[in-house]
Amino acid sequence: MPAPRGGARLEQASLWINRALSAAAGVALAGMMLFTAFDVLMRALDRPVAGSVEVIGWLSAAAMALALGDVQVHRGHVAVTLVSERLRGRKAALLETANSLVALLLFGTAAVVILRYGATLHRTGSLSETLQVVVYPWVYVVALGFAGLTLALAVDLLRSLQRLRAGAA
């Protein structure tokens, strides 16, 4: 079901943005795999890469966070439907709307909190333990991924509100 009126632009923006974030997640995942393979090779040659755990951790956080919105758009998350599958019509639409609203508030808040944490790390000049490099850009990347998820959830909320208004017939 399409998003209501002005929601069509929001839906298109969400699709485009989350597709781009998902592509970046794929790059992070490929980088993580290549870096891991390189580290394994170097360890076999008795020359391990310093900070490999840090780098792989950053890349995995980026890959996970940047993919969240696209997974939501394609309904790839696990859903427990014990109650919702038994409901029909307006009750189902009301539950879907409430669920969408709670998820939007939760992940929107998470995006803001993570962004603020990144700003704190930026302001204090926090460095990673092993490589002694700034870590705030990685925190900003995670916040961006949560923002993409929040955008996808906003589209879901608009859709569920449309179903609720239509009486969920």
C-alpha atoms as a PDB file:
ATOM      1  CA  MET A   1       0.000   0.000   0.000  1.00  0.00           C
ATOM      2  CA  PRO A   2       1.526   3.354  -0.967  1.00  0.00           C
ATOM      3  CA  ALA A   3       2.248   5.977   1.637  1.00  0.00           C
ATOM      4  CA  PRO A   4      -0.342   8.752   1.855  1.00  0.00           C
ATOM      5  CA  ARG A   5      -0.046  11.912  -0.286  1.00  0.00           C
ATOM      6  CA  GLY A   6       3.134  13.707   0.863  1.00  0.00           C
ATOM      7  CA  GLY A   7       4.384  10.379   2.119  1.00  0.00           C
ATOM      8  CA  ALA A   8       5.200   9.306  -1.435  1.00  0.00           C
ATOM      9  CA  ARG A   9       8.190  11.651  -1.528  1.00  0.00           C
ATOM     10  CA  LEU A  10       9.272  10.508   1.917  1.00  0.00           C
ATOM     11  CA  GLU A  11       8.966   6.900   0.794  1.00  0.00           C
ATOM     12  CA  GLN A  12      11.084   7.534  -2.319  1.00  0.00           C
ATOM     13  CA  ALA A  13      13.688   9.376  -0.235  1.00  0.00           C
ATOM     14  CA  SER A  14      13.749   6.506   2.249  1.00  0.00           C
ATOM     15  CA  LEU A  15      14.205   3.931  -0.511  1.00  0.00           C
ATOM     16  CA  TRP A  16      17.021   5.888  -2.154  1.00  0.00           C
ATOM     17  CA  ILE A  17      18.834   6.775   1.082  1.00  0.00           C
ATOM     18  CA  ASN A  18      18.554   3.299   2.564  1.00  0.00           C
ATOM     19  CA  ARG A  19      19.679   1.689  -0.693  1.00  0.00           C
ATOM     20  CA  ALA A  20      22.782   3.921  -0.642  1.00  0.00           C
ATOM     21  CA  LEU A  21      23.434   3.145   3.026  1.00  0.00           C
ATOM     22  CA  SER A  22      23.055  -0.562   2.280  1.00  0.00           C
ATOM     23  CA  ALA A  23      25.613  -0.286  -0.521  1.00  0.00           C
ATOM     24  CA  ALA A  24      28.000   1.376   1.929  1.00  0.00           C
ATOM     25  CA  ALA A  25      27.309  -1.471   4.362  1.00  0.00           C
ATOM     26  CA  GLY A  26      28.322  -3.916   1.636  1.00  0.00           C
ATOM     27  CA  VAL A  27      31.572  -2.021   1.120  1.00  0.00           C
ATOM     28  CA  ALA A  28      32.247  -2.156   4.870  1.00  0.00           C
ATOM     29  CA  LEU A  29      31.527  -5.887   4.918  1.00  0.00           C
ATOM     30  CA  ALA A  30      33.821  -6.515   1.941  1.00  0.00           C
ATOM     31  CA  GLY A  31      36.518  -4.404   3.600  1.00  0.00           C
ATOM     32  CA  MET A  32      36.124  -6.398   6.782  1.00  0.00           C
ATOM     33  CA  MET A  33      36.513  -9.679   4.891  1.00  0.00           C
ATOM     34  CA  LEU A  34      39.585  -8.460   2.989  1.00  0.00           C
ATOM     35  CA  PHE A  35      41.179  -7.046   6.123  1.00  0.00           C
ATOM     36  CA  THR A  36      40.531 -10.299   8.013  1.00  0.00           C
ATOM     37  CA  ALA A  37      42.045 -12.376   5.212  1.00  0.00           C
ATOM     38  CA  PHE A  38      45.077 -10.068   5.100  1.00  0.00           C
ATOM     39  CA  ASP A  39      45.493 -10.288   8.868  1.00  0.00           C
ATOM     40  CA  VAL A  40      45.280 -14.110   8.773  1.00  0.00           C
ATOM     41  CA  LEU A  41      47.916 -14.182   6.027  1.00  0.00           C
ATOM     42  CA  MET A  42      50.193 -11.835   7.954  1.00  0.00           C
ATOM     43  CA  ARG A  43      49.771 -13.889  11.138  1.00  0.00           C
ATOM     44  CA  ALA A  44      50.803 -16.986   9.182  1.00  0.00           C
ATOM     45  CA  LEU A  45      53.949 -15.066   8.246  1.00  0.00           C
ATOM     46  CA  ASP A  46      54.394 -14.169  11.937  1.00  0.00           C
ATOM     47  CA  ARG A  47      53.672 -10.473  11.250  1.00  0.00           C
ATOM     48  CA  PRO A  48      50.181  -9.750  12.688  1.00  0.00           C
ATOM     49  CA  VAL A  49      48.555  -6.432  11.823  1.00  0.00           C
ATOM     50  CA  ALA A  50      48.450  -4.101  14.823  1.00  0.00           C
ATOM     51  CA  GLY A  51      44.945  -2.933  15.674  1.00  0.00           C
ATOM     52  CA  SER A  52      43.216  -5.516  13.516  1.00  0.00           C
ATOM     53  CA  VAL A  53      40.564  -6.161  16.159  1.00  0.00           C
ATOM     54  CA  GLU A  54      39.779  -2.432  16.306  1.00  0.00           C
ATOM     55  CA  VAL A  55      39.504  -2.044  12.549  1.00  0.00           C
ATOM     56  CA  ILE A  56      37.366  -5.159  12.125  1.00  0.00           C
ATOM     57  CA  GLY A  57      35.137  -4.006  14.997  1.00  0.00           C
ATOM     58  CA  TRP A  58      34.618  -0.594  13.372  1.00  0.00           C
ATOM     59  CA  LEU A  59      33.863  -2.122   9.982  1.00  0.00           C
ATOM     60  CA  SER A  60      31.420  -4.629  11.459  1.00  0.00           C
ATOM     61  CA  ALA A  61      29.596  -1.881  13.393  1.00  0.00           C
ATOM     62  CA  ALA A  62      29.352   0.157  10.186  1.00  0.00           C
ATOM     63  CA  ALA A  63      28.125  -2.822   8.151  1.00  0.00           C
ATOM     64  CA  MET A  64      25.448  -3.673  10.711  1.00  0.00           C
ATOM     65  CA  ALA A  65      24.206  -0.140  11.300  1.00  0.00           C
ATOM     66  CA  LEU A  66      24.170   0.990   7.677  1.00  0.00           C
ATOM     67  CA  ALA A  67      22.096  -2.033   6.618  1.00  0.00           C
ATOM     68  CA  LEU A  68      19.333  -1.517   9.220  1.00  0.00           C
ATOM     69  CA  GLY A  69      17.101   0.785   7.167  1.00  0.00           C
ATOM     70  CA  ASP A  70      17.223  -1.279   3.994  1.00  0.00           C
ATOM     71  CA  VAL A  71      16.433  -4.430   5.943  1.00  0.00           C
ATOM     72  CA  GLN A  72      13.407  -2.631   7.439  1.00  0.00           C
ATOM     73  CA  VAL A  73      12.248  -1.463   4.008  1.00  0.00           C
ATOM     74  CA  HIS A  74      12.347  -5.083   2.783  1.00  0.00           C
ATOM     75  CA  ARG A  75      10.836  -6.516   5.984  1.00  0.00           C
ATOM     76  CA  GLY A  76      13.926  -8.589   6.674  1.00  0.00           C
ATOM     77  CA  HIS A  77      13.825  -8.296  10.469  1.00  0.00           C
ATOM     78  CA  VAL A  78      12.462 -11.127  12.568  1.00  0.00           C
ATOM     79  CA  ALA A  79       8.926 -10.367  13.717  1.00  0.00           C
ATOM     80  CA  VAL A  80       6.964 -12.080  16.461  1.00  0.00           C
ATOM     81  CA  THR A  81       3.371 -12.220  15.242  1.00  0.00           C
ATOM     82  CA  LEU A  82       1.759 -14.280  17.990  1.00  0.00           C
ATOM     83  CA  VAL A  83      -0.842 -11.574  18.700  1.00  0.00           C
ATOM     84  CA  SER A  84      -0.964  -9.598  15.458  1.00  0.00           C
ATOM     85  CA  GLU A  85      -1.712 -12.578  13.216  1.00  0.00           C
ATOM     86  CA  ARG A  86      -4.932 -13.196  15.167  1.00  0.00           C
ATOM     87  CA  LEU A  87      -6.201  -9.643  14.667  1.00  0.00           C
ATOM     88  CA  ARG A  88      -8.080  -8.326  11.650  1.00  0.00           C
ATOM     89  CA  GLY A  89      -9.326  -4.999  10.403  1.00  0.00           C
ATOM     90  CA  ARG A  90      -9.144  -1.933  12.600  1.00  0.00           C
ATOM     91  CA  LYS A  91      -7.615  -3.763  15.592  1.00  0.00           C
ATOM     92  CA  ALA A  92      -4.734  -5.026  13.461  1.00  0.00           C
ATOM     93  CA  ALA A  93      -4.205  -1.530  12.008  1.00  0.00           C
ATOM     94  CA  LEU A  94      -4.234  -0.004  15.495  1.00  0.00           C
ATOM     95  CA  LEU A  95      -1.639  -2.497  16.748  1.00  0.00           C
ATOM     96  CA  GLU A  96       0.516  -1.905  13.663  1.00  0.00           C
ATOM     97  CA  THR A  97       0.289   1.875  14.164  1.00  0.00           C
ATOM     98  CA  ALA A  98       1.226   1.611  17.847  1.00  0.00           C
ATOM     99  CA  ASN A  99       4.119  -0.707  17.020  1.00  0.00           C
ATOM    100  CA  SER A 100       5.373   1.615  14.264  1.00  0.00           C
ATOM    101  CA  LEU A 101       5.171   4.626  16.568  1.00  0.00           C
ATOM    102  CA  VAL A 102       7.035   2.923  19.419  1.00  0.00           C
ATOM    103  CA  ALA A 103       9.749   1.657  17.050  1.00  0.00           C
ATOM    104  CA  LEU A 104      10.091   5.110  15.464  1.00  0.00           C
ATOM    105  CA  LEU A 105      10.474   6.766  18.876  1.00  0.00           C
ATOM    106  CA  LEU A 106      12.914   4.119  20.134  1.00  0.00           C
ATOM    107  CA  PHE A 107      15.240   4.120  17.141  1.00  0.00           C
ATOM    108  CA  GLY A 108      14.921   7.861  16.566  1.00  0.00           C
ATOM    109  CA  THR A 109      16.016   8.410  20.159  1.00  0.00           C
ATOM    110  CA  ALA A 110      18.849   5.916  19.706  1.00  0.00           C
ATOM    111  CA  ALA A 111      20.050   7.805  16.610  1.00  0.00           C
ATOM    112  CA  VAL A 112      20.109  11.099  18.532  1.00  0.00           C
ATOM    113  CA  VAL A 113      21.857   9.593  21.568  1.00  0.00           C
ATOM    114  CA  ILE A 114      24.495   7.921  19.383  1.00  0.00           C
ATOM    115  CA  LEU A 115      25.012  11.180  17.481  1.00  0.00           C
ATOM    116  CA  ARG A 116      25.503  13.045  20.779  1.00  0.00           C
ATOM    117  CA  TYR A 117      27.947  10.381  21.939  1.00  0.00           C
ATOM    118  CA  GLY A 118      29.911  10.861  18.725  1.00  0.00           C
ATOM    119  CA  ALA A 119      29.940  14.622  19.343  1.00  0.00           C
ATOM    120  CA  THR A 120      31.275  14.026  22.864  1.00  0.00           C
ATOM    121  CA  LEU A 121      34.043  11.783  21.523  1.00  0.00           C
ATOM    122  CA  HIS A 122      34.824  14.418  18.899  1.00  0.00           C
ATOM    123  CA  ARG A 123      34.934  17.222  21.440  1.00  0.00           C
ATOM    124  CA  THR A 124      37.131  15.289  23.910  1.00  0.00           C
ATOM    125  CA  GLY A 125      39.476  13.986  21.206  1.00  0.00           C
ATOM    126  CA  SER A 126      38.998  10.371  22.278  1.00  0.00           C
ATOM    127  CA  LEU A 127      41.388   7.937  20.586  1.00  0.00           C
ATOM    128  CA  SER A 128      41.293   4.189  20.054  1.00  0.00           C
ATOM    129  CA  GLU A 129      43.341   2.126  22.443  1.00  0.00           C
ATOM    130  CA  THR A 130      45.700   0.350  20.050  1.00  0.00           C
ATOM    131  CA  LEU A 131      45.984   2.503  16.926  1.00  0.00           C
ATOM    132  CA  GLN A 132      45.515   5.835  18.733  1.00  0.00           C
ATOM    133  CA  VAL A 133      43.224   7.225  16.020  1.00  0.00           C
ATOM    134  CA  VAL A 134      39.982   9.157  16.443  1.00  0.00           C
ATOM    135  CA  VAL A 135      36.905   6.979  16.790  1.00  0.00           C
ATOM    136  CA  TYR A 136      34.092   9.516  16.532  1.00  0.00           C
ATOM    137  CA  PRO A 137      33.653   9.123  12.738  1.00  0.00           C
ATOM    138  CA  TRP A 138      32.676   5.482  13.272  1.00  0.00           C
ATOM    139  CA  VAL A 139      30.132   6.511  15.895  1.00  0.00           C
ATOM    140  CA  TYR A 140      28.689   9.023  13.422  1.00  0.00           C
ATOM    141  CA  VAL A 141      28.415   6.231  10.837  1.00  0.00           C
ATOM    142  CA  VAL A 142      26.422   4.122  13.312  1.00  0.00           C
ATOM    143  CA  ALA A 143      24.168   7.131  14.047  1.00  0.00           C
ATOM    144  CA  LEU A 144      23.632   7.557  10.304  1.00  0.00           C
ATOM    145  CA  GLY A 145      22.546   3.929  10.041  1.00  0.00           C
ATOM    146  CA  PHE A 146      20.055   4.387  12.871  1.00  0.00           C
ATOM    147  CA  ALA A 147      18.778   7.553  11.162  1.00  0.00           C
ATOM    148  CA  GLY A 148      18.171   5.518   7.988  1.00  0.00           C
ATOM    149  CA  LEU A 149      16.203   2.987  10.031  1.00  0.00           C
ATOM    150  CA  THR A 150      14.221   5.822  11.615  1.00  0.00           C
ATOM    151  CA  LEU A 151      13.364   7.162   8.169  1.00  0.00           C
ATOM    152  CA  ALA A 152      12.123   3.736   7.065  1.00  0.00           C
ATOM    153  CA  LEU A 153      10.065   3.481  10.255  1.00  0.00           C
ATOM    154  CA  ALA A 154       8.528   6.914   9.583  1.00  0.00           C
ATOM    155  CA  VAL A 155       7.305   5.621   6.213  1.00  0.00           C
ATOM    156  CA  ASP A 156       5.918   2.526   7.957  1.00  0.00           C
ATOM    157  CA  LEU A 157       4.063   4.756  10.433  1.00  0.00           C
ATOM    158  CA  LEU A 158       2.516   6.794   7.620  1.00  0.00           C
ATOM    159  CA  ARG A 159       1.365   3.592   5.917  1.00  0.00           C
ATOM    160  CA  SER A 160      -0.135   2.188   9.097  1.00  0.00           C
ATOM    161  CA  LEU A 161      -1.912   5.502   9.793  1.00  0.00           C
ATOM    162  CA  GLN A 162      -3.370   5.340   6.287  1.00  0.00           C
ATOM    163  CA  ARG A 163      -4.646   1.807   6.942  1.00  0.00           C
ATOM    164  CA  LEU A 164      -6.091   2.921  10.273  1.00  0.00           C
ATOM    165  CA  ARG A 165      -7.859   5.888   8.646  1.00  0.00           C
ATOM    166  CA  ALA A 166      -9.217   3.656   5.906  1.00  0.00           C
ATOM    167  CA  GLY A 167     -10.699   1.385   8.541  1.00  0.00           C
ATOM    168  CA  ALA A 168      -8.276  -1.405   7.610  1.00  0.00           C
ATOM    169  CA  ALA A 169     -10.906  -3.005   5.414  1.00  0.00           C
END
